[in-house]
Amino acid sequence: MARMASTLLKRPSEQVQLHLQQWRGIRVKVLNGSLERALTVMQRKMQSSGIERLIKNEQTHHIKNSEKRVLARKNLERKIRSQELARKLQAILIKKVRGL
């Protein structure tokens, strides 16, 4: 990565595409040698796609069973909340469409 960054800084006028091949793949364009900006864009894309969370989860070596249960319960609660919110929004949209 450092070698690639040094070559990018030598050629600031060219447009270069960096590829971070993960499960889904992320592409970031480096325009006019602004490597810092491209790295911040890549970090935002990683956060929004969930890759960063997967990487952090892989770095943890050992999770106790009690922690696994807590995490599973929190994930389930988050999923149920989002489903309930989706149902409420769908009902609101249906009422608006029907004109009630």
N, C-alpha and C. Protein backbone atom coordinates (compact mmCIF):
# COMPACT_ATOMS: atom_id res chain seq x y z
N MET A 1 0.82 -1.18 0.00
CA MET A 1 0.00 0.00 0.00
C MET A 1 0.87 1.26 0.00
N ALA A 2 1.97 1.21 0.76
CA ALA A 2 2.86 2.37 0.82
C ALA A 2 3.52 2.60 -0.54
N ARG A 3 3.90 1.51 -1.21
CA ARG A 3 4.50 1.64 -2.53
C ARG A 3 3.52 2.27 -3.50
N MET A 4 2.24 1.83 -3.43
CA MET A 4 1.21 2.37 -4.30
C MET A 4 0.97 3.84 -3.99
N ALA A 5 0.99 4.20 -2.72
CA ALA A 5 0.77 5.59 -2.33
C ALA A 5 1.90 6.47 -2.83
N SER A 6 3.14 6.00 -2.75
CA SER A 6 4.26 6.82 -3.22
C SER A 6 4.20 7.01 -4.73
N THR A 7 3.78 6.00 -5.49
CA THR A 7 3.66 6.17 -6.93
C THR A 7 2.50 7.11 -7.28
N LEU A 8 1.44 7.09 -6.45
CA LEU A 8 0.33 8.00 -6.70
C LEU A 8 0.73 9.44 -6.47
N LEU A 9 1.55 9.67 -5.45
CA LEU A 9 1.96 11.04 -5.17
C LEU A 9 2.92 11.58 -6.23
N LYS A 10 3.62 10.70 -6.92
CA LYS A 10 4.52 11.14 -7.98
C LYS A 10 3.75 11.57 -9.22
N ARG A 11 2.56 11.02 -9.42
CA ARG A 11 1.77 11.33 -10.62
C ARG A 11 0.46 12.00 -10.19
N PRO A 12 0.46 13.27 -9.80
CA PRO A 12 -0.76 13.88 -9.27
C PRO A 12 -1.81 14.20 -10.32
N SER A 13 -1.43 14.32 -11.58
CA SER A 13 -2.41 14.75 -12.58
C SER A 13 -3.25 13.59 -13.13
N GLU A 14 -2.83 12.38 -12.88
CA GLU A 14 -3.55 11.23 -13.43
C GLU A 14 -4.66 10.78 -12.50
N GLN A 15 -5.65 10.17 -13.09
CA GLN A 15 -6.70 9.56 -12.29
C GLN A 15 -6.38 8.09 -12.14
N VAL A 16 -6.36 7.62 -10.91
CA VAL A 16 -5.99 6.24 -10.63
C VAL A 16 -7.09 5.63 -9.79
N GLN A 17 -7.40 4.39 -10.07
CA GLN A 17 -8.40 3.69 -9.27
C GLN A 17 -7.71 2.72 -8.34
N LEU A 18 -8.06 2.83 -7.05
CA LEU A 18 -7.57 1.86 -6.08
C LEU A 18 -8.66 0.82 -5.90
N HIS A 19 -8.27 -0.40 -5.78
CA HIS A 19 -9.24 -1.46 -5.58
C HIS A 19 -8.95 -2.15 -4.26
N LEU A 20 -9.94 -2.20 -3.41
CA LEU A 20 -9.84 -2.97 -2.19
C LEU A 20 -10.78 -4.14 -2.38
N GLN A 21 -10.22 -5.28 -2.69
CA GLN A 21 -11.04 -6.45 -2.98
C GLN A 21 -11.39 -7.14 -1.67
N GLN A 22 -12.63 -7.07 -1.32
CA GLN A 22 -13.16 -7.76 -0.15
C GLN A 22 -14.30 -8.62 -0.65
N TRP A 23 -15.25 -8.88 0.21
CA TRP A 23 -16.38 -9.71 -0.18
C TRP A 23 -17.19 -9.02 -1.27
N ARG A 24 -17.46 -7.76 -1.11
CA ARG A 24 -18.27 -7.03 -2.09
C ARG A 24 -17.39 -6.22 -3.03
N GLY A 25 -16.27 -5.76 -2.55
CA GLY A 25 -15.37 -4.95 -3.35
C GLY A 25 -15.70 -3.47 -3.23
N ILE A 26 -14.67 -2.66 -3.06
CA ILE A 26 -14.84 -1.22 -2.95
C ILE A 26 -13.88 -0.58 -3.92
N ARG A 27 -14.35 0.41 -4.65
CA ARG A 27 -13.50 1.16 -5.56
C ARG A 27 -13.49 2.61 -5.12
N VAL A 28 -12.29 3.18 -5.11
CA VAL A 28 -12.13 4.57 -4.72
C VAL A 28 -11.27 5.24 -5.79
N LYS A 29 -11.72 6.36 -6.30
CA LYS A 29 -10.93 7.10 -7.28
C LYS A 29 -10.07 8.13 -6.57
N VAL A 30 -8.79 8.17 -6.95
CA VAL A 30 -7.88 9.18 -6.43
C VAL A 30 -7.73 10.22 -7.52
N LEU A 31 -8.25 11.41 -7.27
CA LEU A 31 -8.22 12.46 -8.26
C LEU A 31 -7.16 13.49 -7.90
N ASN A 32 -6.33 13.83 -8.85
CA ASN A 32 -5.30 14.87 -8.70
C ASN A 32 -4.41 14.64 -7.48
N GLY A 33 -4.12 13.40 -7.20
CA GLY A 33 -3.18 13.08 -6.14
C GLY A 33 -3.68 13.33 -4.72
N SER A 34 -4.98 13.51 -4.54
CA SER A 34 -5.51 13.75 -3.19
C SER A 34 -5.75 12.41 -2.50
N LEU A 35 -4.67 11.81 -2.02
CA LEU A 35 -4.73 10.49 -1.42
C LEU A 35 -5.47 10.50 -0.09
N GLU A 36 -5.29 11.57 0.70
CA GLU A 36 -5.97 11.64 2.00
C GLU A 36 -7.48 11.65 1.81
N ARG A 37 -7.94 12.40 0.83
CA ARG A 37 -9.39 12.47 0.56
C ARG A 37 -9.91 11.10 0.11
N ALA A 38 -9.14 10.42 -0.73
CA ALA A 38 -9.55 9.10 -1.20
C ALA A 38 -9.61 8.10 -0.04
N LEU A 39 -8.68 8.21 0.89
CA LEU A 39 -8.70 7.31 2.05
C LEU A 39 -9.90 7.57 2.94
N THR A 40 -10.28 8.84 3.11
CA THR A 40 -11.47 9.13 3.92
C THR A 40 -12.73 8.62 3.23
N VAL A 41 -12.79 8.74 1.91
CA VAL A 41 -13.93 8.22 1.16
C VAL A 41 -13.99 6.70 1.30
N MET A 42 -12.82 6.05 1.22
CA MET A 42 -12.78 4.60 1.36
C MET A 42 -13.24 4.18 2.76
N GLN A 43 -12.83 4.92 3.77
CA GLN A 43 -13.24 4.59 5.13
C GLN A 43 -14.75 4.73 5.29
N ARG A 44 -15.33 5.80 4.72
CA ARG A 44 -16.79 5.98 4.78
C ARG A 44 -17.51 4.84 4.08
N LYS A 45 -17.00 4.44 2.91
CA LYS A 45 -17.62 3.34 2.18
C LYS A 45 -17.53 2.03 2.95
N MET A 46 -16.40 1.82 3.61
CA MET A 46 -16.24 0.60 4.41
C MET A 46 -17.21 0.60 5.58
N GLN A 47 -17.40 1.76 6.21
CA GLN A 47 -18.33 1.84 7.33
C GLN A 47 -19.76 1.60 6.89
N SER A 48 -20.14 2.21 5.76
CA SER A 48 -21.52 2.09 5.32
C SER A 48 -21.85 0.69 4.81
N SER A 49 -20.86 -0.01 4.24
CA SER A 49 -21.13 -1.35 3.72
C SER A 49 -21.00 -2.44 4.78
N GLY A 50 -20.46 -2.09 5.95
CA GLY A 50 -20.35 -3.08 7.01
C GLY A 50 -19.07 -3.88 6.99
N ILE A 51 -18.18 -3.61 6.05
CA ILE A 51 -16.93 -4.35 5.97
C ILE A 51 -16.07 -4.06 7.19
N GLU A 52 -16.08 -2.81 7.63
CA GLU A 52 -15.26 -2.44 8.79
C GLU A 52 -15.70 -3.23 10.02
N ARG A 53 -17.01 -3.40 10.20
CA ARG A 53 -17.53 -4.16 11.33
C ARG A 53 -17.09 -5.62 11.24
N LEU A 54 -17.12 -6.18 10.02
CA LEU A 54 -16.68 -7.57 9.84
C LEU A 54 -15.21 -7.73 10.18
N ILE A 55 -14.40 -6.77 9.76
CA ILE A 55 -12.97 -6.84 10.04
C ILE A 55 -12.72 -6.76 11.54
N LYS A 56 -13.43 -5.85 12.22
CA LYS A 56 -13.26 -5.74 13.67
C LYS A 56 -13.70 -7.02 14.37
N ASN A 57 -14.79 -7.63 13.90
CA ASN A 57 -15.25 -8.87 14.52
C ASN A 57 -14.26 -10.00 14.32
N GLU A 58 -13.59 -10.03 13.17
CA GLU A 58 -12.60 -11.07 12.91
C GLU A 58 -11.36 -10.90 13.77
N GLN A 59 -11.07 -9.66 14.18
CA GLN A 59 -9.87 -9.41 14.95
C GLN A 59 -10.02 -9.86 16.40
N THR A 60 -11.24 -9.99 16.89
CA THR A 60 -11.42 -10.45 18.26
C THR A 60 -11.10 -11.93 18.30
N HIS A 61 -10.25 -12.32 19.24
CA HIS A 61 -9.78 -13.70 19.27
C HIS A 61 -10.77 -14.63 19.94
N HIS A 62 -11.31 -14.17 21.06
CA HIS A 62 -12.20 -15.07 21.79
C HIS A 62 -13.32 -14.27 22.41
N ILE A 63 -14.54 -14.72 22.20
CA ILE A 63 -15.71 -14.09 22.79
C ILE A 63 -16.36 -15.13 23.69
N LYS A 64 -16.63 -14.72 24.91
CA LYS A 64 -17.27 -15.65 25.85
C LYS A 64 -18.70 -15.93 25.39
N ASN A 65 -19.23 -17.07 25.82
CA ASN A 65 -20.58 -17.45 25.44
C ASN A 65 -21.61 -16.43 25.93
N SER A 66 -21.38 -15.88 27.13
CA SER A 66 -22.32 -14.89 27.65
C SER A 66 -22.32 -13.64 26.77
N GLU A 67 -21.13 -13.24 26.29
CA GLU A 67 -21.05 -12.09 25.39
C GLU A 67 -21.73 -12.39 24.06
N LYS A 68 -21.60 -13.62 23.59
CA LYS A 68 -22.26 -14.00 22.34
C LYS A 68 -23.77 -13.89 22.49
N ARG A 69 -24.29 -14.36 23.64
CA ARG A 69 -25.73 -14.27 23.88
C ARG A 69 -26.19 -12.82 23.92
N VAL A 70 -25.43 -11.96 24.58
CA VAL A 70 -25.78 -10.54 24.67
C VAL A 70 -25.78 -9.92 23.28
N LEU A 71 -24.74 -10.20 22.50
CA LEU A 71 -24.66 -9.65 21.14
C LEU A 71 -25.81 -10.16 20.27
N ALA A 72 -26.13 -11.45 20.40
CA ALA A 72 -27.22 -12.02 19.62
C ALA A 72 -28.55 -11.37 20.01
N ARG A 73 -28.76 -11.14 21.32
CA ARG A 73 -30.00 -10.51 21.77
C ARG A 73 -30.10 -9.08 21.25
N LYS A 74 -28.97 -8.33 21.31
CA LYS A 74 -28.98 -6.96 20.80
C LYS A 74 -29.25 -6.92 19.30
N ASN A 75 -28.63 -7.85 18.56
CA ASN A 75 -28.87 -7.90 17.12
C ASN A 75 -30.33 -8.22 16.81
N LEU A 76 -30.91 -9.14 17.58
CA LEU A 76 -32.31 -9.50 17.39
C LEU A 76 -33.21 -8.31 17.70
N GLU A 77 -32.92 -7.60 18.80
CA GLU A 77 -33.72 -6.42 19.15
C GLU A 77 -33.62 -5.36 18.06
N ARG A 78 -32.42 -5.15 17.53
CA ARG A 78 -32.22 -4.17 16.46
C ARG A 78 -33.02 -4.57 15.22
N LYS A 79 -32.99 -5.85 14.90
CA LYS A 79 -33.72 -6.35 13.73
C LYS A 79 -35.22 -6.17 13.91
N ILE A 80 -35.73 -6.50 15.10
CA ILE A 80 -37.17 -6.37 15.37
C ILE A 80 -37.58 -4.90 15.31
N ARG A 81 -36.76 -4.00 15.90
CA ARG A 81 -37.07 -2.57 15.85
C ARG A 81 -37.15 -2.06 14.41
N SER A 82 -36.20 -2.49 13.59
CA SER A 82 -36.20 -2.02 12.20
C SER A 82 -37.40 -2.57 11.44
N GLN A 83 -37.78 -3.82 11.72
CA GLN A 83 -38.95 -4.39 11.06
C GLN A 83 -40.23 -3.67 11.48
N GLU A 84 -40.34 -3.34 12.78
CA GLU A 84 -41.50 -2.61 13.26
C GLU A 84 -41.58 -1.23 12.63
N LEU A 85 -40.44 -0.56 12.54
CA LEU A 85 -40.41 0.75 11.91
C LEU A 85 -40.80 0.65 10.44
N ALA A 86 -40.33 -0.38 9.75
CA ALA A 86 -40.68 -0.56 8.34
C ALA A 86 -42.18 -0.79 8.18
N ARG A 87 -42.77 -1.57 9.09
CA ARG A 87 -44.22 -1.79 9.03
C ARG A 87 -44.99 -0.50 9.26
N LYS A 88 -44.56 0.30 10.23
CA LYS A 88 -45.23 1.57 10.51
C LYS A 88 -45.14 2.52 9.31
N LEU A 89 -43.94 2.60 8.73
CA LEU A 89 -43.77 3.47 7.56
C LEU A 89 -44.60 2.99 6.39
N GLN A 90 -44.68 1.69 6.21
CA GLN A 90 -45.49 1.14 5.12
C GLN A 90 -46.95 1.48 5.33
N ALA A 91 -47.44 1.37 6.57
CA ALA A 91 -48.84 1.70 6.85
C ALA A 91 -49.10 3.18 6.59
N ILE A 92 -48.17 4.04 6.97
CA ILE A 92 -48.32 5.48 6.73
C ILE A 92 -48.37 5.76 5.24
N LEU A 93 -47.47 5.14 4.48
CA LEU A 93 -47.45 5.37 3.04
C LEU A 93 -48.72 4.87 2.37
N ILE A 94 -49.22 3.73 2.81
CA ILE A 94 -50.46 3.20 2.23
C ILE A 94 -51.61 4.15 2.49
N LYS A 95 -51.68 4.70 3.72
CA LYS A 95 -52.75 5.65 4.04
C LYS A 95 -52.65 6.90 3.17
N LYS A 96 -51.42 7.38 2.95
CA LYS A 96 -51.24 8.58 2.12
C LYS A 96 -51.65 8.31 0.68
N VAL A 97 -51.28 7.14 0.17
CA VAL A 97 -51.60 6.81 -1.22
C VAL A 97 -53.09 6.68 -1.41
N ARG A 98 -53.76 6.06 -0.44
CA ARG A 98 -55.20 5.88 -0.54
C ARG A 98 -55.98 7.15 -0.25
N GLY A 99 -55.29 8.13 0.33
CA GLY A 99 -55.94 9.42 0.59
C GLY A 99 -56.81 9.43 1.83
N LEU A 100 -56.46 8.63 2.82
CA LEU A 100 -57.25 8.59 4.05
C LEU A 100 -56.75 9.55 5.07
